[in-house]
Amino acid sequence: MAIAFRERGSLRADFVEIYAERSAASAMTMKDGRIVDATSGRERGAGVRARLGPTTGFSHTSTLSPTAVLRTVREATASPAPGRVPGADATDAADGTPDPRETDDTGNRSRHAELLHSVSDLAAVETGKIVSVSAVLRSERRTSQVANSGGVHVSGDTARERLAVTVVVGAQSAPVSGRASLGLNTPAARLTEEHVRSTVAEAVRRAHARESAAPAPVGEMPVVLAPGTGAVLIHEACGHGLEADHLTRRSSVFHDMLGKRVGPPGMWLVDDASLSGAWGSFAFDDEGHDGRRTVLIEDGILVDFLWDEVHSLGRDGAAPANGRRQNYQCLPMPRMSNLLVPAGDTAPQDVIADTAHGIYVARLGSGRVNTATGDFVFAAKEAYVIDRGRLGEAIADCSLIGNGPEVLRGIDAIGTDFALGPPGTCGKDGQTLPVGYGQPTVRVRQGLRVGGTAR
C-alpha cells in the first residue's frame, strides 16, 4: 500500500482508497446423523477505488503482491467516463507470503464434525417423534486493511461462527419443522456443545409449537412483536429506507422526512456497530471509519441516515460510518450493522395484558419490501392468538402486510425487555453481509394486516 500511495502524485485522482483482505471460510452440513457436505476456501485480494470529481473508478486484483496492487491502482485511476464505475481484475503471480492467521484447519473440521454429530443425539433426547434433523455450521476468519489518500490506515481481524438447526417432528403424513440459529462474532469465535444444546432445544420447541397450530385470523389487528426477532420487521420495512443511497436516489419513502415525526414519542431507532459481540458489529467499516452508534430516530423524530463516503459528500453533518462491502471485489455502499429499537418503559406482560385481541409474533421469517413506497409483506413463522389480554393457541404460518411509515406511527407500546435476535444475513444489490437486530416487546396497534386462512 505504501508503494501505491507514493505513486499518487503521478495519478489523476482526488482520492484513492485501497481495501485489502485475506479470508478463510468453511461450511459443513449434517443430515440425520451423517455429514453430507463440507466445503472450505481461502481468498485474498485488494480492491482500489479512485475518485476524480464526479467520476469513480474501481479495479481489483486477486493477489497482494506490490506489483499487482500498484497496477490495480493505475487501472482504477485511468480516468473513466463520468458516471461510470468500471471493474477490472488485475492478475499477477501469487505473492507467496503466508499469513500467520491462515493455519491448517484440520482441527476446526474435526471440531465442527463432532459438534454436528451431537445435534442428532441431543434432538433425540428432546423428543422421540423426530422425522428428520439437519444442521449447518459455518465459520469465517477475515483480516482486512483499509488505507486511503486522506490519511486513513487501519487493519484488524474478525471471526464468526454460526450454527443453524432444523428439526422435523410429527407424523410422516403431516410433519412440521422448527428452526433455530446461533452465532458468535468475537476474536476467538468457537461454538461449544452448550451452544449446540441450546440451539437444538429451541428448534425442537418451535417444531412442537407448530404441531397443533390453528388457522391464523385475517384482517387488520394489533400485533405484538416478541423481543429480539421482531426487529427483523423494522430492519426490512424501515432500515433499508434509511440507507443514504436510497435517499440520494429518492427511492426511499423517508427521503423528505428528516426532522419530522415518524414514530411515537419515546421511540428510538439506532444502528450500533460498536455493540460488543453482536452479529453485525465491526471495529471499523470497510472504508476505515470506526464502528459507532448512529441515532436514526430520536423520541419519534427522524434525525439521521446511514452514510458512506460517497453519499456523505457535500452534506453538512453527514458522518460516514456504514460503508460496507461483501469482499474486495465489491464497492462499499451504505448498509446497516445492528439495527436496534432500545428498551421503553412498559413491562412486557402489561403490553400483552392491555391487548384485548390480536396476535403475538414470536418469530418472523423472510419478507419483501419496496423502499420507494415502504410497502412490505413478511412471513410469521411462530405466532399465537392474544385473547382478552392472554396468550392463547398457536396459529399456523401467516403473513404480516403493511407499510413502513404507517407501522412506525402505529407503535403504541415499547417494553423494557430488550433482546438481540439471532444472527442475520442481509442481501442488497448483489452483496450479502452479516447483520444484527434487536428490540424489546413492541406493540403495533394499527397498520398491520394479518393474512391467515381462518374463515
Protein backbone atom coordinates (compact mmCIF):
# COMPACT_ATOMS: atom_id res chain seq x y z
CA MET A 1 0.00 0.00 0.00
CA ALA A 2 2.83 2.39 0.81
CA ILE A 3 4.27 1.96 -2.69
CA ALA A 4 0.89 2.68 -4.23
CA PHE A 5 0.42 5.92 -2.32
CA ARG A 6 3.94 7.12 -3.15
CA GLU A 7 2.80 6.94 -6.77
CA ARG A 8 -0.21 9.15 -6.13
CA GLY A 9 1.46 12.28 -7.44
CA SER A 10 1.63 10.74 -10.91
CA LEU A 11 -2.01 9.62 -10.87
CA ARG A 12 -5.11 11.57 -11.88
CA ALA A 13 -7.30 11.32 -8.78
CA ASP A 14 -8.65 13.47 -5.97
CA PHE A 15 -8.98 10.44 -3.71
CA VAL A 16 -7.58 6.91 -3.74
CA GLU A 17 -8.61 4.05 -1.44
CA ILE A 18 -7.19 0.54 -1.13
CA TYR A 19 -9.09 -2.24 0.62
CA ALA A 20 -7.13 -5.48 1.08
CA GLU A 21 -8.22 -8.70 2.74
CA ARG A 22 -7.37 -12.32 3.42
CA SER A 23 -10.19 -14.66 4.39
CA ALA A 24 -10.81 -18.32 5.15
CA ALA A 25 -14.33 -19.76 5.24
CA SER A 26 -15.86 -23.20 5.72
CA ALA A 27 -19.30 -24.80 5.83
CA MET A 28 -20.32 -28.27 6.97
CA THR A 29 -23.78 -29.85 6.70
CA MET A 30 -25.22 -32.77 8.68
CA LYS A 31 -28.46 -34.59 7.88
CA ASP A 32 -29.85 -37.35 10.08
CA GLY A 33 -26.52 -38.09 11.72
CA ARG A 34 -24.36 -38.03 8.56
CA ILE A 35 -22.05 -35.32 7.28
CA VAL A 36 -23.36 -34.82 3.74
CA ASP A 37 -21.35 -31.79 2.64
CA ALA A 38 -18.19 -29.97 3.68
CA THR A 39 -16.56 -27.07 1.86
CA SER A 40 -13.76 -24.66 2.63
CA GLY A 41 -11.81 -22.00 0.81
CA ARG A 42 -9.43 -19.09 1.11
CA GLU A 43 -9.37 -15.76 -0.66
CA ARG A 44 -7.02 -12.84 -0.77
CA GLY A 45 -7.07 -9.72 -2.83
CA ALA A 46 -7.38 -5.95 -2.97
CA GLY A 47 -9.91 -3.53 -4.37
CA VAL A 48 -8.93 0.00 -5.38
CA ARG A 49 -11.33 2.91 -5.71
CA ALA A 50 -10.33 6.25 -7.20
CA ARG A 51 -12.36 9.42 -7.47
CA LEU A 52 -11.78 12.38 -9.77
CA GLY A 53 -14.55 14.96 -9.49
CA PRO A 54 -17.86 13.15 -10.13
CA THR A 55 -16.08 10.16 -11.67
CA THR A 56 -15.33 6.95 -9.78
CA GLY A 57 -13.00 4.21 -11.00
CA PHE A 58 -12.72 0.76 -9.47
CA SER A 59 -10.48 -2.22 -10.05
CA HIS A 60 -9.47 -5.30 -8.07
CA THR A 61 -6.72 -7.90 -8.00
CA SER A 62 -6.80 -11.45 -6.69
CA THR A 63 -3.23 -11.27 -5.42
CA LEU A 64 -1.47 -8.98 -2.97
CA SER A 65 1.97 -8.57 -4.50
CA PRO A 66 3.21 -4.95 -4.69
CA THR A 67 3.26 -5.18 -8.50
CA ALA A 68 -0.36 -6.33 -8.71
CA VAL A 69 -1.63 -3.74 -6.24
CA LEU A 70 0.20 -0.92 -8.00
CA ARG A 71 -1.17 -1.98 -11.39
CA THR A 72 -4.65 -2.11 -9.86
CA VAL A 73 -4.25 1.46 -8.59
CA ARG A 74 -3.30 2.58 -12.09
CA GLU A 75 -6.31 0.73 -13.55
CA ALA A 76 -8.67 2.45 -11.11
CA THR A 77 -7.27 5.91 -11.85
CA ALA A 78 -7.38 5.57 -15.63
CA SER A 79 -9.98 8.38 -15.96
CA PRO A 80 -13.22 6.56 -16.82
CA ALA A 81 -16.07 8.42 -18.42
CA PRO A 82 -18.10 10.47 -15.92
CA GLY A 83 -20.80 8.47 -14.21
CA ARG A 84 -19.26 5.07 -15.00
CA VAL A 85 -17.75 2.68 -12.48
CA PRO A 86 -15.56 0.27 -14.47
CA GLY A 87 -14.42 -3.01 -12.96
CA ALA A 88 -11.19 -4.81 -13.83
CA ASP A 89 -9.29 -7.74 -12.40
CA ALA A 90 -5.53 -7.33 -12.35
CA THR A 91 -3.74 -10.67 -12.12
CA ASP A 92 -0.17 -11.45 -11.13
CA ALA A 93 1.83 -14.27 -9.66
CA ALA A 94 0.75 -15.06 -6.11
CA ASP A 95 2.71 -13.08 -3.56
CA GLY A 96 3.63 -16.26 -1.69
CA THR A 97 3.52 -14.54 1.68
CA PRO A 98 1.90 -16.81 4.27
CA ASP A 99 -0.47 -15.15 6.69
CA PRO A 100 0.03 -16.21 10.32
CA ARG A 101 -3.75 -16.47 10.77
CA GLU A 102 -4.08 -18.89 7.85
CA THR A 103 -3.19 -22.06 9.75
CA ASP A 104 -4.17 -25.63 8.92
CA ASP A 105 -7.90 -26.01 9.60
CA THR A 106 -7.94 -29.79 10.15
CA GLY A 107 -8.59 -29.26 13.85
CA ASN A 108 -11.52 -26.98 13.09
CA ARG A 109 -13.04 -29.52 10.68
CA SER A 110 -12.85 -32.23 13.33
CA ARG A 111 -14.39 -29.94 15.94
CA HIS A 112 -17.21 -28.91 13.61
CA ALA A 113 -17.96 -32.53 12.68
CA GLU A 114 -18.09 -33.52 16.35
CA LEU A 115 -20.49 -30.68 17.16
CA LEU A 116 -22.75 -31.55 14.23
CA HIS A 117 -22.87 -35.24 15.14
CA SER A 118 -24.03 -34.23 18.62
CA VAL A 119 -27.06 -32.43 17.13
CA SER A 120 -28.90 -35.67 16.31
CA ASP A 121 -28.21 -37.15 19.74
CA LEU A 122 -29.38 -34.02 21.53
CA ALA A 123 -32.52 -33.78 19.40
CA ALA A 124 -33.38 -37.41 20.17
CA VAL A 125 -33.18 -36.64 23.89
CA GLU A 126 -35.51 -33.66 23.44
CA THR A 127 -38.23 -35.57 21.59
CA GLY A 128 -38.96 -39.10 20.46
CA LYS A 129 -41.05 -38.07 17.43
CA ILE A 130 -38.29 -36.85 15.15
CA VAL A 131 -38.80 -37.34 11.42
CA SER A 132 -35.55 -35.64 10.43
CA VAL A 133 -32.85 -33.35 11.83
CA SER A 134 -30.31 -31.30 9.90
CA ALA A 135 -27.74 -28.67 10.78
CA VAL A 136 -25.25 -26.36 9.09
CA LEU A 137 -22.16 -24.92 10.77
CA ARG A 138 -20.37 -22.03 9.06
CA SER A 139 -17.11 -20.37 10.02
CA GLU A 140 -15.22 -17.37 8.67
CA ARG A 141 -11.94 -15.69 9.60
CA ARG A 142 -11.02 -12.42 7.90
CA THR A 143 -8.11 -9.99 8.08
CA SER A 144 -8.75 -6.65 6.39
CA GLN A 145 -6.82 -3.44 5.85
CA VAL A 146 -8.05 -0.07 4.59
CA ALA A 147 -5.87 2.86 3.55
CA ASN A 148 -6.70 6.00 1.62
CA SER A 149 -5.09 9.20 0.43
CA GLY A 150 -6.94 11.13 3.14
CA GLY A 151 -4.77 9.58 5.85
CA VAL A 152 -6.89 6.61 6.93
CA HIS A 153 -4.89 3.44 7.62
CA VAL A 154 -6.49 0.71 9.75
CA SER A 155 -6.31 -3.07 9.94
CA GLY A 156 -7.94 -5.78 12.01
CA ASP A 157 -9.31 -9.30 12.26
CA THR A 158 -12.84 -10.69 12.52
CA ALA A 159 -14.03 -14.21 13.32
CA ARG A 160 -17.58 -15.56 13.10
CA GLU A 161 -19.16 -18.96 13.64
CA ARG A 162 -22.82 -19.75 13.08
CA LEU A 163 -24.96 -22.85 13.68
CA ALA A 164 -28.43 -23.40 12.22
CA VAL A 165 -30.53 -26.42 13.22
CA THR A 166 -33.77 -27.64 11.62
CA VAL A 167 -35.86 -30.33 13.31
CA VAL A 168 -38.85 -32.05 11.68
CA VAL A 169 -41.33 -33.75 14.02
CA GLY A 170 -44.78 -35.31 13.90
CA ALA A 171 -46.43 -37.92 11.75
CA GLN A 172 -44.90 -38.74 8.36
CA SER A 173 -48.16 -37.67 6.74
CA ALA A 174 -48.14 -34.21 8.34
CA PRO A 175 -44.64 -33.26 9.51
CA VAL A 176 -43.84 -29.80 10.87
CA SER A 177 -40.45 -28.16 11.26
CA GLY A 178 -38.72 -25.83 13.66
CA ARG A 179 -35.55 -23.89 13.01
CA ALA A 180 -33.15 -22.08 15.34
CA SER A 181 -29.75 -20.50 14.89
CA LEU A 182 -26.97 -19.04 17.00
CA GLY A 183 -23.84 -17.10 16.06
CA LEU A 184 -20.66 -15.78 17.63
CA ASN A 185 -18.78 -12.69 16.48
CA THR A 186 -15.69 -12.49 18.69
CA PRO A 187 -11.90 -12.52 18.08
CA ALA A 188 -11.78 -16.22 19.02
CA ALA A 189 -15.27 -17.37 17.99
CA ARG A 190 -15.71 -21.05 18.87
CA LEU A 191 -19.08 -22.72 19.26
CA THR A 192 -19.33 -25.24 22.09
CA GLU A 193 -21.60 -28.17 22.94
CA GLU A 194 -23.60 -25.89 25.21
CA HIS A 195 -24.31 -23.62 22.23
CA VAL A 196 -25.43 -26.69 20.27
CA ARG A 197 -27.61 -27.88 23.14
CA SER A 198 -29.50 -24.58 23.46
CA THR A 199 -29.98 -24.26 19.69
CA VAL A 200 -31.34 -27.80 19.34
CA ALA A 201 -33.71 -27.30 22.28
CA GLU A 202 -35.09 -24.13 20.71
CA ALA A 203 -35.55 -25.78 17.30
CA VAL A 204 -37.43 -28.68 18.91
CA ARG A 205 -39.63 -26.30 20.92
CA ARG A 206 -40.54 -24.36 17.80
CA ALA A 207 -41.38 -27.53 15.89
CA HIS A 208 -43.69 -28.78 18.65
CA ALA A 209 -45.37 -25.36 18.86
CA ARG A 210 -46.49 -25.79 15.24
CA GLU A 211 -47.89 -29.31 15.64
CA SER A 212 -51.28 -28.17 16.88
CA ALA A 213 -51.37 -24.73 15.27
CA ALA A 214 -54.80 -23.41 14.34
CA PRO A 215 -55.57 -21.37 11.20
CA ALA A 216 -54.46 -17.76 11.58
CA PRO A 217 -57.02 -14.94 11.71
CA VAL A 218 -57.44 -12.47 8.87
CA GLY A 219 -57.58 -8.68 8.87
CA GLU A 220 -56.04 -5.63 10.50
CA MET A 221 -55.49 -6.08 14.22
CA PRO A 222 -52.98 -5.25 16.98
CA VAL A 223 -49.74 -7.20 16.60
CA VAL A 224 -47.27 -7.68 19.45
CA LEU A 225 -43.74 -8.40 18.27
CA ALA A 226 -41.54 -10.51 20.56
CA PRO A 227 -38.22 -9.17 21.87
CA GLY A 228 -35.24 -9.85 19.64
CA THR A 229 -36.53 -11.47 16.47
CA GLY A 230 -39.35 -8.97 15.95
CA ALA A 231 -36.77 -6.38 14.90
CA VAL A 232 -36.45 -8.15 11.54
CA LEU A 233 -39.61 -6.30 10.53
CA ILE A 234 -38.11 -2.91 11.47
CA HIS A 235 -34.87 -3.82 9.65
CA GLU A 236 -36.62 -4.56 6.38
CA ALA A 237 -39.62 -2.23 6.50
CA CYS A 238 -37.74 0.84 7.75
CA GLY A 239 -33.98 0.24 7.94
CA HIS A 240 -33.25 -0.06 4.23
CA GLY A 241 -35.13 3.15 3.56
CA LEU A 242 -32.73 4.94 5.92
CA GLU A 243 -29.62 3.92 3.95
CA ALA A 244 -28.30 7.04 2.21
CA ASP A 245 -28.04 5.65 -1.32
CA HIS A 246 -31.83 5.32 -1.35
CA LEU A 247 -32.01 8.88 -0.04
CA THR A 248 -29.91 10.37 -2.84
CA ARG A 249 -31.77 8.37 -5.50
CA ARG A 250 -35.04 9.50 -3.92
CA SER A 251 -36.02 5.83 -3.84
CA SER A 252 -36.82 5.91 -0.13
CA VAL A 253 -40.19 6.75 1.37
CA PHE A 254 -38.21 8.60 4.08
CA HIS A 255 -36.21 10.84 1.72
CA ASP A 256 -38.03 14.06 2.71
CA MET A 257 -38.84 13.24 6.35
CA LEU A 258 -35.66 14.39 8.12
CA GLY A 259 -36.65 16.40 11.19
CA LYS A 260 -40.23 15.15 11.04
CA ARG A 261 -42.11 12.85 13.37
CA VAL A 262 -42.12 9.30 12.04
CA GLY A 263 -42.77 7.34 15.27
CA PRO A 264 -44.39 7.76 18.68
CA PRO A 265 -42.84 9.82 21.49
CA GLY A 266 -40.40 7.64 23.41
CA MET A 267 -39.37 5.56 20.40
CA TRP A 268 -35.72 5.48 19.36
CA LEU A 269 -34.07 3.63 16.50
CA VAL A 270 -30.29 3.22 16.39
CA ASP A 271 -27.72 1.41 14.30
CA ASP A 272 -24.85 0.31 16.55
CA ALA A 273 -21.75 -1.28 15.02
CA SER A 274 -19.87 -0.90 18.32
CA LEU A 275 -22.09 -3.29 20.29
CA SER A 276 -19.68 -5.90 21.65
CA GLY A 277 -20.26 -9.40 20.29
CA ALA A 278 -23.36 -8.57 18.22
CA TRP A 279 -23.51 -10.34 14.87
CA GLY A 280 -23.27 -7.20 12.72
CA SER A 281 -20.62 -5.39 14.79
CA PHE A 282 -17.23 -4.28 13.48
CA ALA A 283 -14.27 -2.25 14.78
CA PHE A 284 -14.18 -0.22 11.55
CA ASP A 285 -16.31 -0.21 8.44
CA ASP A 286 -14.97 -1.16 5.02
CA GLU A 287 -13.94 2.45 4.34
CA GLY A 288 -11.86 2.62 7.55
CA HIS A 289 -14.25 4.59 9.78
CA ASP A 290 -14.64 3.49 13.40
CA GLY A 291 -17.75 1.45 14.08
CA ARG A 292 -20.12 3.57 16.13
CA ARG A 293 -23.66 4.12 17.33
CA THR A 294 -25.82 6.19 14.98
CA VAL A 295 -29.15 7.53 16.25
CA LEU A 296 -31.67 7.46 13.39
CA ILE A 297 -34.94 8.18 15.21
CA GLU A 298 -34.87 10.17 18.45
CA ASP A 299 -38.04 10.34 20.53
CA GLY A 300 -40.05 9.64 17.38
CA ILE A 301 -38.25 12.22 15.19
CA LEU A 302 -36.14 11.17 12.18
CA VAL A 303 -32.72 12.73 12.82
CA ASP A 304 -30.20 10.91 10.60
CA PHE A 305 -29.49 8.37 7.88
CA LEU A 306 -26.78 5.75 7.40
CA TRP A 307 -23.89 7.16 5.37
CA ASP A 308 -20.88 6.01 3.42
CA GLU A 309 -18.12 8.18 1.90
CA VAL A 310 -19.73 8.76 -1.49
CA HIS A 311 -23.20 9.68 -0.28
CA SER A 312 -21.97 11.94 2.53
CA LEU A 313 -20.05 14.24 0.17
CA GLY A 314 -21.42 17.77 0.24
CA ARG A 315 -23.91 17.03 3.02
CA ASP A 316 -23.41 19.01 6.21
CA GLY A 317 -23.40 16.85 9.31
CA ALA A 318 -23.31 13.55 7.42
CA ALA A 319 -20.81 11.27 9.19
CA PRO A 320 -19.86 8.16 7.21
CA ALA A 321 -19.60 5.02 9.35
CA ASN A 322 -21.65 2.43 7.47
CA GLY A 323 -19.75 1.85 4.24
CA ARG A 324 -19.74 -1.94 3.93
CA ARG A 325 -18.83 -4.41 1.18
CA GLN A 326 -19.08 -8.17 0.80
CA ASN A 327 -15.43 -8.53 -0.19
CA TYR A 328 -12.55 -6.86 -2.02
CA GLN A 329 -14.27 -7.33 -5.39
CA CYS A 330 -17.17 -5.06 -4.39
CA LEU A 331 -17.64 -1.33 -3.95
CA PRO A 332 -18.84 -0.24 -0.49
CA MET A 333 -22.36 1.09 0.00
CA PRO A 334 -24.45 2.27 2.98
CA ARG A 335 -25.52 -0.79 4.97
CA MET A 336 -26.95 -1.48 8.42
CA SER A 337 -24.83 -3.18 11.10
CA ASN A 338 -27.04 -3.88 14.15
CA LEU A 339 -30.41 -2.12 13.89
CA LEU A 340 -31.95 -1.72 17.34
CA VAL A 341 -35.08 -0.39 18.99
CA PRO A 342 -33.89 0.41 22.55
CA ALA A 343 -35.97 -0.52 25.59
CA GLY A 344 -39.01 1.54 26.52
CA ASP A 345 -40.78 1.92 29.86
CA THR A 346 -43.66 -0.59 29.72
CA ALA A 347 -43.44 -4.01 31.39
CA PRO A 348 -43.77 -6.67 28.66
CA GLN A 349 -46.53 -8.51 30.50
CA ASP A 350 -48.51 -5.28 30.60
CA VAL A 351 -48.22 -4.90 26.82
CA ILE A 352 -49.98 -8.25 26.35
CA ALA A 353 -52.45 -7.74 29.22
CA ASP A 354 -53.53 -4.45 27.65
CA THR A 355 -54.24 -6.11 24.28
CA ALA A 356 -57.84 -7.35 24.13
CA HIS A 357 -57.47 -9.08 20.78
CA GLY A 358 -54.65 -9.62 18.30
CA ILE A 359 -51.67 -11.87 17.69
CA TYR A 360 -48.25 -12.28 19.31
CA VAL A 361 -45.46 -12.91 16.80
CA ALA A 362 -42.62 -14.88 18.37
CA ARG A 363 -40.59 -15.39 15.20
CA LEU A 364 -40.53 -13.80 11.79
CA GLY A 365 -39.38 -15.39 8.55
CA SER A 366 -38.46 -13.87 5.23
CA GLY A 367 -40.03 -10.76 3.75
CA ARG A 368 -40.11 -8.30 0.87
CA VAL A 369 -40.14 -4.52 0.94
CA ASN A 370 -40.45 -1.74 -1.62
CA THR A 371 -38.16 1.01 -0.27
CA ALA A 372 -39.77 3.65 -2.51
CA THR A 373 -43.24 3.13 -1.05
CA GLY A 374 -42.47 1.39 2.25
CA ASP A 375 -44.92 -1.42 1.47
CA PHE A 376 -43.88 -4.85 2.78
CA VAL A 377 -45.02 -8.40 3.42
CA PHE A 378 -43.48 -10.79 5.97
CA ALA A 379 -43.99 -14.38 6.98
CA ALA A 380 -44.70 -15.04 10.67
CA LYS A 381 -43.19 -18.47 11.44
CA GLU A 382 -44.32 -18.70 15.07
CA ALA A 383 -47.31 -16.79 16.40
CA TYR A 384 -50.07 -17.03 19.00
CA VAL A 385 -53.54 -15.61 19.43
CA ILE A 386 -54.00 -12.88 22.06
CA ASP A 387 -57.44 -13.14 23.61
CA ARG A 388 -58.57 -10.79 26.40
CA GLY A 389 -55.02 -9.96 27.41
CA ARG A 390 -53.66 -13.50 27.47
CA LEU A 391 -51.66 -15.64 25.07
CA GLY A 392 -53.77 -18.36 23.52
CA GLU A 393 -53.31 -21.12 20.98
CA ALA A 394 -50.53 -21.27 18.42
CA ILE A 395 -51.52 -20.28 14.90
CA ALA A 396 -50.21 -21.58 11.60
CA ASP A 397 -47.86 -19.62 9.37
CA CYS A 398 -49.37 -16.33 8.32
CA SER A 399 -48.26 -13.11 6.68
CA LEU A 400 -47.91 -9.57 8.01
CA ILE A 401 -48.73 -6.90 5.45
CA GLY A 402 -48.16 -3.20 5.95
CA ASN A 403 -46.26 -0.02 5.20
CA GLY A 404 -43.07 1.04 7.00
CA PRO A 405 -44.01 4.62 7.96
CA GLU A 406 -47.54 3.56 8.92
CA VAL A 407 -46.22 0.79 11.16
CA LEU A 408 -43.86 3.20 12.93
CA ARG A 409 -46.77 5.56 13.56
CA GLY A 410 -48.87 2.62 14.75
CA ILE A 411 -46.48 1.64 17.55
CA ASP A 412 -48.05 2.48 20.92
CA ALA A 413 -46.16 0.35 23.46
CA ILE A 414 -42.46 -0.45 23.89
CA GLY A 415 -41.36 -2.93 26.55
CA THR A 416 -38.43 -2.94 28.94
CA ASP A 417 -37.16 -6.39 27.87
CA PHE A 418 -34.64 -5.57 25.12
CA ALA A 419 -33.01 -8.60 23.47
CA LEU A 420 -30.88 -9.26 20.42
CA GLY A 421 -32.26 -11.53 17.72
CA PRO A 422 -30.44 -14.49 16.15
CA PRO A 423 -27.70 -13.86 13.57
CA GLY A 424 -28.98 -12.40 10.33
CA THR A 425 -27.84 -12.17 6.71
CA CYS A 426 -28.88 -9.25 4.53
CA GLY A 427 -28.68 -9.01 0.76
CA LYS A 428 -28.62 -5.78 -1.22
CA ASP A 429 -27.59 -5.09 -4.82
CA GLY A 430 -25.90 -8.48 -5.09
CA GLN A 431 -23.89 -8.17 -1.87
CA THR A 432 -24.58 -10.32 1.21
CA LEU A 433 -23.45 -9.26 4.69
CA PRO A 434 -23.89 -10.34 8.32
CA VAL A 435 -26.30 -8.10 10.25
CA GLY A 436 -27.75 -7.99 13.73
CA TYR A 437 -31.03 -6.66 15.07
CA GLY A 438 -32.79 -6.33 18.38
CA GLN A 439 -35.73 -4.81 20.22
CA PRO A 440 -37.93 -5.26 23.30
CA THR A 441 -41.57 -6.33 23.16
CA VAL A 442 -43.29 -3.88 20.78
CA ARG A 443 -46.99 -3.47 20.04
CA VAL A 444 -48.20 -2.15 16.71
CA ARG A 445 -51.76 -1.07 17.49
CA GLN A 446 -52.62 -0.01 13.94
CA GLY A 447 -51.14 -0.51 10.49
CA LEU A 448 -50.56 -4.27 10.24
CA ARG A 449 -52.85 -6.63 8.39
CA VAL A 450 -52.65 -10.36 9.13
CA GLY A 451 -53.03 -12.71 6.20
CA GLY A 452 -54.26 -16.05 7.51
CA THR A 453 -56.56 -18.86 6.48
CA ALA A 454 -59.25 -18.79 9.19
CA ARG A 455 -62.79 -18.38 7.86
